[in-house]
Amino acid sequence: MVTVGLLFISNIFMTFAWYGHLRFRGSALWKAILASWLIAFAEYCFQVPANRLGYGRFTGAQLKTIQEAVSLTVFCVFSVTYLKEALTWNVIAGFGMMIGAIGLVFGTWR
């Protein structure tokens, strides 16, 4: 669970780094880039330990899959609360299909 917790924290930072500047479109682009890089550094401080601690218990593909599922979850909350965008049925359905793909990666059939 430590790995998943660290991935949640890292994805919160990364979502703000990638999309947080969208509310400040009047600001200079170089400021958005600099702020995003500073936020992304904090993201790496959680992402790297998450992968280091999780690798061995999970495969690399499983770690990436967990990260993507966490990223979609964090983005949905961010989109609604920070960007004030509604989650439409097609976005929910599309994200749901991506989450459903986790079953393929974590499946035990071979």
C-alpha atoms as a PDB file:
ATOM      1  CA  MET A   1       0.000   0.000   0.000  1.00  0.00           C
ATOM      2  CA  VAL A   2       2.979   2.339   0.468  1.00  0.00           C
ATOM      3  CA  THR A   3       3.656   2.174  -3.260  1.00  0.00           C
ATOM      4  CA  VAL A   4       0.076   3.088  -4.139  1.00  0.00           C
ATOM      5  CA  GLY A   5       0.039   5.896  -1.562  1.00  0.00           C
ATOM      6  CA  LEU A   6       3.249   7.371  -2.944  1.00  0.00           C
ATOM      7  CA  LEU A   7       1.849   7.089  -6.470  1.00  0.00           C
ATOM      8  CA  PHE A   8      -1.256   9.020  -5.397  1.00  0.00           C
ATOM      9  CA  ILE A   9       0.872  11.812  -3.922  1.00  0.00           C
ATOM     10  CA  SER A  10       3.131  11.941  -6.974  1.00  0.00           C
ATOM     11  CA  ASN A  11       0.142  12.082  -9.321  1.00  0.00           C
ATOM     12  CA  ILE A  12      -1.418  14.962  -7.419  1.00  0.00           C
ATOM     13  CA  PHE A  13       1.785  16.936  -7.972  1.00  0.00           C
ATOM     14  CA  MET A  14       2.065  15.884 -11.603  1.00  0.00           C
ATOM     15  CA  THR A  15      -1.531  16.744 -12.404  1.00  0.00           C
ATOM     16  CA  PHE A  16      -0.960  20.246 -11.049  1.00  0.00           C
ATOM     17  CA  ALA A  17       2.314  20.484 -12.987  1.00  0.00           C
ATOM     18  CA  TRP A  18       0.662  19.494 -16.262  1.00  0.00           C
ATOM     19  CA  TYR A  19      -2.752  21.131 -15.934  1.00  0.00           C
ATOM     20  CA  GLY A  20      -2.711  23.618 -13.038  1.00  0.00           C
ATOM     21  CA  HIS A  21      -1.503  26.468 -15.235  1.00  0.00           C
ATOM     22  CA  LEU A  22      -4.628  26.235 -17.402  1.00  0.00           C
ATOM     23  CA  ARG A  23      -6.451  28.509 -14.951  1.00  0.00           C
ATOM     24  CA  PHE A  24      -3.771  31.161 -15.483  1.00  0.00           C
ATOM     25  CA  ARG A  25      -3.732  31.436 -19.267  1.00  0.00           C
ATOM     26  CA  GLY A  26      -2.991  35.160 -19.049  1.00  0.00           C
ATOM     27  CA  SER A  27       0.343  34.463 -17.372  1.00  0.00           C
ATOM     28  CA  ALA A  28       3.514  34.290 -19.434  1.00  0.00           C
ATOM     29  CA  LEU A  29       4.264  30.855 -20.866  1.00  0.00           C
ATOM     30  CA  TRP A  30       7.788  30.806 -19.396  1.00  0.00           C
ATOM     31  CA  LYS A  31       6.281  31.275 -15.917  1.00  0.00           C
ATOM     32  CA  ALA A  32       3.953  28.331 -16.463  1.00  0.00           C
ATOM     33  CA  ILE A  33       6.858  26.184 -17.656  1.00  0.00           C
ATOM     34  CA  LEU A  34       9.047  27.142 -14.694  1.00  0.00           C
ATOM     35  CA  ALA A  35       6.268  26.564 -12.170  1.00  0.00           C
ATOM     36  CA  SER A  36       5.449  23.224 -13.784  1.00  0.00           C
ATOM     37  CA  TRP A  37       9.074  22.092 -13.611  1.00  0.00           C
ATOM     38  CA  LEU A  38       9.291  23.003  -9.929  1.00  0.00           C
ATOM     39  CA  ILE A  39       6.090  21.096  -9.175  1.00  0.00           C
ATOM     40  CA  ALA A  40       7.278  18.148 -11.281  1.00  0.00           C
ATOM     41  CA  PHE A  41      10.443  17.927  -9.165  1.00  0.00           C
ATOM     42  CA  ALA A  42       8.243  17.301  -6.116  1.00  0.00           C
ATOM     43  CA  GLU A  43       6.395  14.660  -8.139  1.00  0.00           C
ATOM     44  CA  TYR A  44       9.636  12.806  -8.838  1.00  0.00           C
ATOM     45  CA  CYS A  45      10.464  12.817  -5.128  1.00  0.00           C
ATOM     46  CA  PHE A  46       7.448  10.523  -4.645  1.00  0.00           C
ATOM     47  CA  GLN A  47       7.356   8.669  -7.975  1.00  0.00           C
ATOM     48  CA  VAL A  48      10.906   7.316  -7.832  1.00  0.00           C
ATOM     49  CA  PRO A  49      10.564   5.861  -4.308  1.00  0.00           C
ATOM     50  CA  ALA A  50       7.155   4.406  -5.223  1.00  0.00           C
ATOM     51  CA  ASN A  51       8.667   2.521  -8.139  1.00  0.00           C
ATOM     52  CA  ARG A  52      11.757   1.471  -6.185  1.00  0.00           C
ATOM     53  CA  LEU A  53       9.683   0.118  -3.291  1.00  0.00           C
ATOM     54  CA  GLY A  54       7.069  -1.487  -5.526  1.00  0.00           C
ATOM     55  CA  TYR A  55       9.359  -3.185  -8.020  1.00  0.00           C
ATOM     56  CA  GLY A  56       9.726  -6.837  -7.127  1.00  0.00           C
ATOM     57  CA  ARG A  57       6.292  -7.039  -5.589  1.00  0.00           C
ATOM     58  CA  PHE A  58       4.938  -5.710  -8.891  1.00  0.00           C
ATOM     59  CA  THR A  59       6.378  -5.984 -12.377  1.00  0.00           C
ATOM     60  CA  GLY A  60       7.304  -2.850 -14.298  1.00  0.00           C
ATOM     61  CA  ALA A  61       4.149  -3.208 -16.391  1.00  0.00           C
ATOM     62  CA  GLN A  62       2.029  -3.549 -13.264  1.00  0.00           C
ATOM     63  CA  LEU A  63       3.614  -0.467 -11.708  1.00  0.00           C
ATOM     64  CA  LYS A  64       2.865   1.535 -14.853  1.00  0.00           C
ATOM     65  CA  THR A  65      -0.700   0.244 -14.882  1.00  0.00           C
ATOM     66  CA  ILE A  66      -1.222   1.231 -11.249  1.00  0.00           C
ATOM     67  CA  GLN A  67       0.232   4.659 -12.027  1.00  0.00           C
ATOM     68  CA  GLU A  68      -2.171   5.153 -14.933  1.00  0.00           C
ATOM     69  CA  ALA A  69      -5.196   4.098 -12.863  1.00  0.00           C
ATOM     70  CA  VAL A  70      -4.157   6.461 -10.086  1.00  0.00           C
ATOM     71  CA  SER A  71      -3.545   9.216 -12.646  1.00  0.00           C
ATOM     72  CA  LEU A  72      -7.058   8.873 -14.088  1.00  0.00           C
ATOM     73  CA  THR A  73      -8.583   8.921 -10.608  1.00  0.00           C
ATOM     74  CA  VAL A  74      -6.623  12.002  -9.553  1.00  0.00           C
ATOM     75  CA  PHE A  75      -7.395  13.752 -12.839  1.00  0.00           C
ATOM     76  CA  CYS A  76     -11.140  13.179 -12.478  1.00  0.00           C
ATOM     77  CA  VAL A  77     -11.141  14.832  -9.046  1.00  0.00           C
ATOM     78  CA  PHE A  78      -8.843  17.627 -10.286  1.00  0.00           C
ATOM     79  CA  SER A  79     -10.971  18.269 -13.362  1.00  0.00           C
ATOM     80  CA  VAL A  80     -14.155  18.677 -11.339  1.00  0.00           C
ATOM     81  CA  THR A  81     -12.753  20.566  -8.344  1.00  0.00           C
ATOM     82  CA  TYR A  82      -9.970  22.707  -9.817  1.00  0.00           C
ATOM     83  CA  LEU A  83     -10.847  23.186 -13.484  1.00  0.00           C
ATOM     84  CA  LYS A  84     -14.593  23.196 -12.735  1.00  0.00           C
ATOM     85  CA  GLU A  85     -15.273  20.876 -15.654  1.00  0.00           C
ATOM     86  CA  ALA A  86     -18.090  18.363 -15.667  1.00  0.00           C
ATOM     87  CA  LEU A  87     -17.300  14.702 -16.206  1.00  0.00           C
ATOM     88  CA  THR A  88     -19.478  13.746 -19.141  1.00  0.00           C
ATOM     89  CA  TRP A  89     -20.750  10.226 -19.714  1.00  0.00           C
ATOM     90  CA  ASN A  90     -18.304   9.592 -22.561  1.00  0.00           C
ATOM     91  CA  VAL A  91     -15.301  10.670 -20.469  1.00  0.00           C
ATOM     92  CA  ILE A  92     -16.428   8.434 -17.616  1.00  0.00           C
ATOM     93  CA  ALA A  93     -17.024   5.535 -20.011  1.00  0.00           C
ATOM     94  CA  GLY A  94     -13.643   6.020 -21.702  1.00  0.00           C
ATOM     95  CA  PHE A  95     -11.795   6.219 -18.402  1.00  0.00           C
ATOM     96  CA  GLY A  96     -13.758   3.190 -17.212  1.00  0.00           C
ATOM     97  CA  MET A  97     -12.553   1.195 -20.207  1.00  0.00           C
ATOM     98  CA  MET A  98      -8.965   2.151 -19.405  1.00  0.00           C
ATOM     99  CA  ILE A  99      -9.445   1.094 -15.804  1.00  0.00           C
ATOM    100  CA  GLY A 100     -10.966  -2.163 -17.080  1.00  0.00           C
ATOM    101  CA  ALA A 101      -7.718  -2.857 -18.918  1.00  0.00           C
ATOM    102  CA  ILE A 102      -6.075  -3.315 -15.530  1.00  0.00           C
ATOM    103  CA  GLY A 103      -7.710  -6.734 -15.394  1.00  0.00           C
ATOM    104  CA  LEU A 104      -5.705  -7.766 -18.434  1.00  0.00           C
ATOM    105  CA  VAL A 105      -2.399  -6.676 -16.912  1.00  0.00           C
ATOM    106  CA  PHE A 106      -3.066  -8.166 -13.496  1.00  0.00           C
ATOM    107  CA  GLY A 107      -4.821 -11.299 -14.776  1.00  0.00           C
ATOM    108  CA  THR A 108      -3.367 -14.655 -13.795  1.00  0.00           C
ATOM    109  CA  TRP A 109      -4.024 -16.423 -17.102  1.00  0.00           C
ATOM    110  CA  ARG A 110      -1.015 -17.378 -19.194  1.00  0.00           C
END
